[in-house]
């Protein structure tokens, strides 16, 4: 396990078992910024997250629990200010919920393993799915691909 997750006994990039952890427990484990976005459905400001304009090849995981979410091959420049993907890497890795907050009707995207808020999904993405998974960088962990030798 990476050292930045040493205080998180629930973080695993291989275990897909659904977690039932209280928000009080997550608050003890997660950074204040990650807790705000992931557990309180917050949003980081546009164009401020570390992955919104990254084009490095690799894999994205849930920053809370390590669940596999996206590959960089599905990432695209959407100019919305958040990292955007047109599909998940694994079927069933996320769940969708109605979100009528802030006077808008949107579809929230949560991690299927830990129920943490990742962002929202919209129908204005590129082919082949025409979906735009608009994610918060703070909710994502990134593992770059190893360079071929």
Protein backbone atom coordinates (compact mmCIF):
# COMPACT_ATOMS: atom_id res chain seq x y z
CA UNK A 1 0.00 0.00 0.00
CA UNK A 2 1.22 3.48 -0.80
CA UNK A 3 2.48 5.56 2.11
CA UNK A 4 -0.16 8.27 1.56
CA UNK A 5 -2.81 5.65 2.42
CA UNK A 6 -1.04 4.17 5.45
CA UNK A 7 -3.72 5.56 7.81
CA UNK A 8 -6.56 4.20 5.68
CA UNK A 9 -7.13 0.48 6.42
CA UNK A 10 -9.93 0.37 3.81
CA UNK A 11 -7.79 1.43 0.82
CA UNK A 12 -7.16 -1.40 -1.65
CA UNK A 13 -6.70 -1.48 -5.41
CA UNK A 14 -7.68 -5.16 -5.57
CA UNK A 15 -10.54 -5.62 -3.07
CA UNK A 16 -13.96 -4.86 -4.57
CA UNK A 17 -15.99 -5.71 -1.45
CA UNK A 18 -18.54 -2.99 -0.67
CA UNK A 19 -17.56 -0.93 2.37
CA UNK A 20 -19.93 0.19 5.13
CA UNK A 21 -17.87 2.82 6.93
CA UNK A 22 -19.46 5.67 8.86
CA UNK A 23 -18.82 9.28 7.89
CA UNK A 24 -17.41 9.79 11.39
CA UNK A 25 -14.79 7.10 10.68
CA UNK A 26 -14.00 8.55 7.22
CA UNK A 27 -13.57 11.98 8.80
CA UNK A 28 -10.79 10.56 11.02
CA UNK A 29 -9.01 8.99 8.02
CA UNK A 30 -9.39 11.40 5.09
CA UNK A 31 -7.86 14.82 4.52
CA UNK A 32 -10.32 17.69 5.11
CA UNK A 33 -10.45 18.49 1.37
CA UNK A 34 -11.12 14.88 0.36
CA UNK A 35 -13.68 14.44 3.13
CA UNK A 36 -15.55 17.59 2.00
CA UNK A 37 -15.78 16.48 -1.64
CA UNK A 38 -16.13 12.71 -1.21
CA UNK A 39 -18.35 12.48 1.85
CA UNK A 40 -20.20 15.82 1.81
CA UNK A 41 -20.79 15.99 -1.96
CA UNK A 42 -18.56 19.05 -2.31
CA UNK A 43 -16.92 20.25 -5.50
CA UNK A 44 -13.42 21.56 -6.07
CA UNK A 45 -13.19 24.81 -8.03
CA UNK A 46 -12.91 24.43 -11.80
CA UNK A 47 -9.38 24.49 -13.26
CA UNK A 48 -7.76 23.93 -9.83
CA UNK A 49 -7.54 20.13 -9.55
CA UNK A 50 -4.31 18.31 -10.35
CA UNK A 51 -5.78 16.13 -13.14
CA UNK A 52 -8.10 18.47 -15.07
CA UNK A 53 -5.55 19.04 -17.87
CA UNK A 54 -3.24 16.05 -17.37
CA UNK A 55 -2.53 13.89 -20.41
CA UNK A 56 -0.26 11.38 -18.68
CA UNK A 57 -1.11 7.77 -19.52
CA UNK A 58 -2.23 5.63 -16.59
CA UNK A 59 -5.06 4.49 -14.34
CA UNK A 60 -7.39 6.42 -12.05
CA UNK A 61 -8.67 4.98 -8.76
CA UNK A 62 -11.02 6.21 -6.04
CA UNK A 63 -8.90 8.29 -3.64
CA UNK A 64 -11.01 7.12 -0.69
CA UNK A 65 -10.97 3.33 -1.15
CA UNK A 66 -8.72 2.49 -4.14
CA UNK A 67 -11.50 1.17 -6.41
CA UNK A 68 -10.54 1.02 -10.11
CA UNK A 69 -12.44 3.76 -11.99
CA UNK A 70 -10.94 5.05 -15.27
CA UNK A 71 -8.08 4.67 -17.75
CA UNK A 72 -6.42 7.68 -19.31
CA UNK A 73 -7.44 6.29 -22.73
CA UNK A 74 -11.02 7.34 -21.88
CA UNK A 75 -9.99 10.84 -20.72
CA UNK A 76 -10.63 13.81 -22.97
CA UNK A 77 -10.23 17.59 -22.91
CA UNK A 78 -13.72 18.90 -22.23
CA UNK A 79 -12.72 22.48 -21.25
CA UNK A 80 -15.08 22.28 -18.24
CA UNK A 81 -12.22 22.57 -15.72
CA UNK A 82 -12.46 19.06 -14.25
CA UNK A 83 -11.03 15.74 -15.45
CA UNK A 84 -13.51 14.22 -17.92
CA UNK A 85 -13.87 10.63 -19.12
CA UNK A 86 -16.25 9.03 -21.62
CA UNK A 87 -16.41 5.61 -19.90
CA UNK A 88 -15.38 3.74 -16.77
CA UNK A 89 -12.70 1.08 -16.91
CA UNK A 90 -14.80 -1.60 -15.22
CA UNK A 91 -18.54 -2.13 -15.39
CA UNK A 92 -20.15 -1.62 -12.00
CA UNK A 93 -17.30 0.48 -10.57
CA UNK A 94 -19.61 3.47 -10.10
CA UNK A 95 -23.25 4.04 -9.22
CA UNK A 96 -25.59 6.83 -10.25
CA UNK A 97 -27.94 8.91 -8.10
CA UNK A 98 -30.39 11.71 -8.79
CA UNK A 99 -29.01 15.07 -7.63
CA UNK A 100 -31.40 18.02 -7.45
CA UNK A 101 -29.15 20.27 -5.37
CA UNK A 102 -28.34 23.89 -6.23
CA UNK A 103 -31.51 24.26 -8.29
CA UNK A 104 -30.24 21.85 -10.97
CA UNK A 105 -31.15 18.33 -12.07
CA UNK A 106 -28.00 16.25 -12.45
CA UNK A 107 -26.84 12.66 -12.10
CA UNK A 108 -24.27 12.18 -9.35
CA UNK A 109 -21.52 9.58 -9.77
CA UNK A 110 -20.42 7.69 -6.65
CA UNK A 111 -17.79 5.02 -6.13
CA UNK A 112 -19.64 1.69 -6.01
CA UNK A 113 -17.27 0.35 -3.34
CA UNK A 114 -17.37 3.15 -0.74
CA UNK A 115 -20.24 5.41 -1.90
CA UNK A 116 -17.98 8.45 -2.06
CA UNK A 117 -18.93 11.36 -4.32
CA UNK A 118 -16.77 11.51 -7.44
CA UNK A 119 -18.62 14.05 -9.59
CA UNK A 120 -21.46 14.05 -12.14
CA UNK A 121 -22.23 12.52 -15.53
CA UNK A 122 -23.59 14.42 -18.53
CA UNK A 123 -24.77 13.45 -22.02
CA UNK A 124 -22.44 15.82 -23.91
CA UNK A 125 -19.31 13.67 -24.23
CA UNK A 126 -17.56 12.32 -27.33
CA UNK A 127 -18.32 9.10 -29.21
CA UNK A 128 -18.65 6.24 -28.69
CA UNK A 129 -20.61 6.76 -25.44
CA UNK A 130 -21.46 10.48 -25.70
CA UNK A 131 -21.04 10.59 -21.90
CA UNK A 132 -18.92 13.01 -19.88
CA UNK A 133 -17.93 11.78 -16.43
CA UNK A 134 -16.98 15.13 -14.89
CA UNK A 135 -14.89 14.15 -11.84
CA UNK A 136 -13.22 15.98 -8.97
CA UNK A 137 -9.42 15.54 -9.06
CA UNK A 138 -9.28 15.26 -5.26
CA UNK A 139 -11.55 12.19 -5.46
CA UNK A 140 -9.09 10.43 -7.78
CA UNK A 141 -5.76 8.68 -7.26
CA UNK A 142 -3.60 8.28 -10.33
CA UNK A 143 -1.04 5.59 -11.14
CA UNK A 144 1.02 6.40 -14.27
CA UNK A 145 1.79 3.57 -16.67
CA UNK A 146 5.27 2.12 -16.33
CA UNK A 147 7.52 3.15 -19.21
CA UNK A 148 8.49 0.36 -21.62
CA UNK A 149 12.20 -0.39 -21.34
